Protein backbone atom coordinates (compact mmCIF):
# COMPACT_ATOMS: atom_id res chain seq x y z
CA MET A 1 2.37 -29.09 0.13
CA SER A 2 5.67 -28.58 2.02
CA GLN A 3 6.09 -26.75 5.47
CA TRP A 4 7.69 -24.00 3.52
CA ASN A 5 4.87 -23.59 1.19
CA PHE A 6 2.28 -23.75 3.95
CA ALA A 7 4.07 -21.17 5.88
CA VAL A 8 4.32 -18.70 3.20
CA ASN A 9 0.76 -19.26 1.98
CA PHE A 10 -0.48 -18.88 5.61
CA PHE A 11 1.70 -15.73 6.08
CA VAL A 12 0.52 -14.24 2.55
CA ALA A 13 -3.22 -14.82 3.27
CA LEU A 14 -3.09 -13.30 6.64
CA PHE A 15 -0.96 -10.36 5.61
CA ALA A 16 -3.58 -9.56 2.90
CA LEU A 17 -6.35 -10.00 5.23
CA ILE A 18 -4.99 -7.76 7.97
CA ASP A 19 -3.57 -5.56 5.38
CA PRO A 20 -1.22 -3.52 8.03
CA ILE A 21 0.13 -1.16 5.25
CA GLY A 22 -3.28 -0.22 4.03
CA ASN A 23 -4.31 0.42 7.60
CA VAL A 24 -1.57 2.91 7.99
CA PRO A 25 -3.79 5.85 7.46
CA LEU A 26 -6.30 4.80 9.85
CA PHE A 27 -3.66 3.95 12.65
CA ALA A 28 -2.17 7.47 12.12
CA ALA A 29 -5.86 8.96 12.48
CA ALA A 30 -6.69 6.68 15.52
CA THR A 31 -3.38 7.94 17.38
CA ASN A 32 -3.54 11.75 16.30
CA GLY A 33 -2.23 13.78 18.95
CA VAL A 34 -0.41 10.84 20.65
CA LYS A 35 3.29 11.04 21.50
CA SER A 36 5.44 8.72 19.39
CA ARG A 37 6.52 6.89 22.10
CA ASP A 38 3.12 6.26 23.08
CA ALA A 39 2.05 5.29 19.80
CA ARG A 40 4.83 2.71 19.64
CA TRP A 41 3.33 1.22 22.87
CA ILE A 42 -0.15 1.21 21.04
CA SER A 43 1.47 -0.82 18.15
CA VAL A 44 3.06 -3.37 20.64
CA TYR A 45 -0.64 -3.97 22.41
CA ILE A 46 -2.25 -4.26 19.05
CA SER A 47 0.40 -6.80 17.98
CA LEU A 48 -0.13 -8.79 21.31
CA PHE A 49 -3.70 -8.68 20.58
CA VAL A 50 -3.39 -10.17 17.09
CA PHE A 51 -0.97 -12.92 18.11
CA GLY A 52 -3.19 -13.95 21.25
CA PHE A 53 -6.37 -13.92 19.57
CA LEU A 54 -5.42 -15.73 16.31
CA THR A 55 -3.54 -18.30 18.20
CA PHE A 56 -6.52 -19.13 20.31
CA PHE A 57 -8.43 -19.80 17.30
CA TYR A 58 -5.60 -21.61 15.53
CA PHE A 59 -5.73 -24.17 18.29
CA SER A 60 -9.52 -24.01 19.19
CA GLY A 61 -11.29 -23.35 15.82
CA LEU A 62 -11.47 -27.05 14.62
CA SER A 63 -12.84 -28.16 17.78
CA LEU A 64 -15.53 -25.50 17.59
CA LEU A 65 -16.39 -26.70 14.14
CA GLU A 66 -16.81 -30.09 15.58
CA PHE A 67 -18.95 -28.85 18.45
CA PHE A 68 -21.28 -27.08 16.14
CA GLY A 69 -21.37 -29.97 13.58
CA ILE A 70 -19.94 -28.02 10.73
CA SER A 71 -17.85 -29.87 8.25
CA LEU A 72 -14.43 -28.53 7.18
CA PRO A 73 -15.51 -28.32 3.37
CA ALA A 74 -18.52 -26.29 4.47
CA PHE A 75 -16.40 -23.95 6.58
CA ARG A 76 -13.96 -23.63 3.69
CA ILE A 77 -16.51 -22.54 1.27
CA ALA A 78 -18.12 -20.26 3.90
CA GLY A 79 -14.67 -18.81 4.63
CA GLY A 80 -14.00 -18.38 0.99
CA VAL A 81 -17.25 -16.42 0.43
CA ILE A 82 -16.38 -14.07 3.26
CA LEU A 83 -12.75 -13.44 1.98
CA PHE A 84 -14.13 -12.84 -1.52
CA LEU A 85 -16.34 -10.14 -0.23
CA LEU A 86 -13.87 -8.69 1.88
CA GLY A 87 -11.22 -8.74 -0.87
CA LEU A 88 -13.75 -7.18 -3.39
CA GLU A 89 -14.65 -4.38 -1.10
CA MET A 90 -10.54 -3.75 -0.75
CA ALA A 91 -10.13 -3.91 -4.52
CA ARG A 92 -12.82 -1.70 -5.39
CA ASP A 93 -12.98 0.98 -2.85
CA ASP A 94 -11.25 2.45 0.14
CA PHE A 95 -11.65 -0.11 2.71
CA THR A 96 -10.38 2.02 5.66
CA ALA A 97 -12.41 4.83 5.13
CA THR A 98 -15.46 2.85 6.58
CA PHE A 99 -13.97 2.69 9.78
CA ALA A 100 -12.15 6.03 10.00
CA GLY A 101 -14.84 8.13 11.99
CA ALA A 102 -15.48 5.32 14.68
CA ALA A 103 -11.72 4.75 15.21
CA ASP A 104 -10.79 8.52 15.77
CA ASP A 105 -12.73 8.87 18.96
CA GLU A 106 -11.36 11.59 21.61
CA VAL A 107 -9.30 10.15 24.39
CA PRO A 108 -8.32 12.29 27.38
CA ALA A 109 -4.76 13.80 26.82
CA GLY A 110 -1.74 11.89 28.62
CA GLU A 111 1.49 10.27 28.05
CA GLY A 112 3.01 6.90 29.17
CA ARG A 113 2.27 3.44 29.04
CA ALA A 114 -1.04 3.82 31.00
CA HIS A 115 -2.29 6.40 28.52
CA ALA A 116 -1.12 3.95 25.69
CA ARG A 117 -3.23 1.19 27.31
CA ARG A 118 -6.26 3.64 27.62
CA ARG A 119 -6.03 4.63 23.94
CA PHE A 120 -5.48 0.93 22.88
CA GLU A 121 -8.79 0.03 24.73
CA ARG A 122 -10.73 2.70 22.82
CA MET A 123 -9.10 1.15 19.66
CA ILE A 124 -10.00 -2.47 20.34
CA VAL A 125 -13.47 -1.86 18.44
CA PRO A 126 -13.46 -1.14 15.47
CA PHE A 127 -9.84 -1.01 14.83
CA ALA A 128 -8.42 -4.24 16.18
CA MET A 129 -11.75 -6.01 15.66
CA PRO A 130 -13.17 -6.26 13.17
CA LEU A 131 -10.83 -4.21 10.98
CA LEU A 132 -7.75 -6.04 11.85
CA ILE A 133 -8.94 -9.47 13.09
CA GLY A 134 -12.37 -9.93 11.30
CA PRO A 135 -14.40 -13.27 10.18
CA GLY A 136 -12.03 -13.67 7.34
CA ALA A 137 -8.96 -13.78 9.38
CA ILE A 138 -10.52 -16.37 11.85
CA SER A 139 -11.80 -18.25 8.94
CA THR A 140 -8.25 -18.35 7.30
CA VAL A 141 -6.58 -19.36 10.72
CA VAL A 142 -9.06 -22.29 11.19
CA ILE A 143 -8.55 -23.38 7.45
CA TYR A 144 -4.81 -23.47 7.83
CA ALA A 145 -5.14 -25.15 11.06
CA SER A 146 -6.78 -28.05 9.42
CA GLU A 147 -4.06 -28.28 6.77
CA ALA A 148 -1.19 -28.25 9.53
CA LYS A 149 -2.41 -31.37 11.12
CA THR A 150 -0.91 -33.12 8.27
CA PHE A 151 2.67 -31.88 9.57
CA GLY A 152 1.89 -33.03 13.32
CA LEU A 153 3.65 -30.95 15.96
CA ALA A 154 5.72 -29.45 13.46
CA GLY A 155 2.80 -27.91 11.87
CA ALA A 156 1.50 -26.45 15.09
CA ALA A 157 4.74 -24.67 15.59
CA VAL A 158 4.97 -23.38 12.04
CA GLY A 159 1.58 -22.05 12.60
CA VAL A 160 2.49 -20.15 15.66
CA GLY A 161 5.58 -18.97 14.14
CA VAL A 162 3.58 -17.55 11.12
CA ILE A 163 1.21 -15.67 13.44
CA ALA A 164 4.10 -14.39 15.65
CA ALA A 165 5.86 -13.22 12.37
CA LEU A 166 2.63 -11.53 11.20
CA SER A 167 2.01 -9.86 14.59
CA LEU A 168 5.69 -8.75 14.53
CA ALA A 169 5.13 -7.16 11.04
CA VAL A 170 2.11 -5.54 12.21
CA MET A 171 4.15 -4.05 14.91
CA LEU A 172 6.98 -2.66 12.87
CA ILE A 173 4.81 -1.48 10.19
CA PHE A 174 2.69 0.56 12.55
CA TRP A 175 5.92 1.88 14.04
CA ALA A 176 6.77 3.08 10.70
CA THR A 177 3.61 4.89 10.10
CA PRO A 178 5.01 8.39 9.65
CA LEU A 179 7.66 7.04 7.22
CA ILE A 180 5.35 4.82 4.94
CA SER A 181 2.79 7.80 5.00
CA ARG A 182 5.48 9.85 3.40
CA LEU A 183 6.99 7.36 1.02
CA LEU A 184 3.92 6.03 -0.46
CA GLY A 185 1.47 8.72 -0.03
CA ARG A 186 -2.38 8.37 -0.61
CA ILE A 187 -2.06 6.98 -4.05
CA GLY A 188 0.69 4.40 -3.28
CA LEU A 189 -1.55 3.29 -0.28
CA THR A 190 -4.53 2.95 -2.26
CA ILE A 191 -2.66 0.77 -4.77
CA VAL A 192 -1.34 -1.39 -2.01
CA VAL A 193 -4.85 -1.92 -0.58
CA ARG A 194 -6.23 -2.83 -3.99
CA VAL A 195 -3.66 -5.28 -4.86
CA LEU A 196 -3.94 -7.00 -1.53
CA GLY A 197 -7.60 -7.10 -2.31
CA LEU A 198 -7.17 -8.86 -5.58
CA ILE A 199 -4.85 -11.35 -3.97
CA LEU A 200 -7.33 -11.91 -1.35
CA CYS A 201 -10.11 -12.53 -4.06
CA ALA A 202 -7.95 -15.31 -5.70
CA LEU A 203 -7.15 -16.74 -2.26
CA ALA A 204 -10.96 -16.80 -1.54
CA VAL A 205 -11.77 -18.63 -5.01
CA GLN A 206 -9.08 -21.28 -4.14
CA PHE A 207 -10.78 -21.94 -0.74
CA ILE A 208 -14.19 -22.36 -2.46
CA LEU A 209 -12.73 -24.64 -5.00
CA ALA A 210 -11.12 -26.83 -2.41
CA GLY A 211 -14.18 -26.89 -0.28
CA ILE A 212 -16.32 -28.11 -3.19
CA ALA A 213 -13.60 -30.61 -4.16
CA GLU A 214 -13.71 -32.12 -0.76
CA SER A 215 -17.20 -32.35 -0.46
CA THR A 216 -18.00 -33.77 -4.03
CA ALA A 217 -16.73 -36.26 -6.28
CA GLY A 218 -15.31 -35.20 -9.75
CA VAL A 219 -17.09 -31.63 -9.72
CA ILE A 220 -13.62 -29.92 -9.41
CA LEU A 221 -10.46 -31.10 -10.91
CA ARG A 222 -7.79 -32.17 -8.44
CA GLU A 223 -5.45 -29.91 -10.22
CA ALA A 224 -7.55 -26.98 -9.73
CA ALA A 225 -8.34 -27.56 -5.84
CA ALA A 226 -4.61 -27.99 -5.24
CA PRO A 227 -2.50 -26.69 -8.39
CA TYR A 228 0.91 -26.95 -6.51
CA ALA A 229 0.30 -30.27 -4.62
CA LYS A 230 3.23 -32.54 -5.27
């Protein structure tokens, strides 16, 4: 796998998991009554949180696995199962509806960056975690961090760049929440969530195949575990 393919696959997997477009209605509900300028600041805080949290696990996740004595194939399989369940929920139902009531808590009225920070602090759970960054996203970051080791320092830089690009995309999409809501409508947003859920299910199956192939001999064909390897 080339660095470019690695970067694209990593970005698509994280984007499908975090699903900022599908979470636009929930972000709109969570920032209901907030001035547009303050809502943009909340988007900035959320994107910084996503970048910092995922970067931490990108560099420390493999060490944590070693500390607990968990093999990478076992983690691939476990991560694949989690991703499949999340993808199945996204493909079959309204994934964001589960969290809507909890995220739409009342916050005292105000304006400015201080108010935006207070609102963000109330949105960390459940909006930032576990809706945006859940077990699936953490598992994906750790798995791709292991694949990045083959590229050395360049792989580490590419991984951080992908996380930064994903965080920027989250911020820009949440900035454009009013426009996206008007353009796609309820039906369009539902379609986006379900298509991303299907992609996530396929990625999850690929993780499971790769984990079984790494931990066994001849059970999974090499072409199935790494279909595009050169």
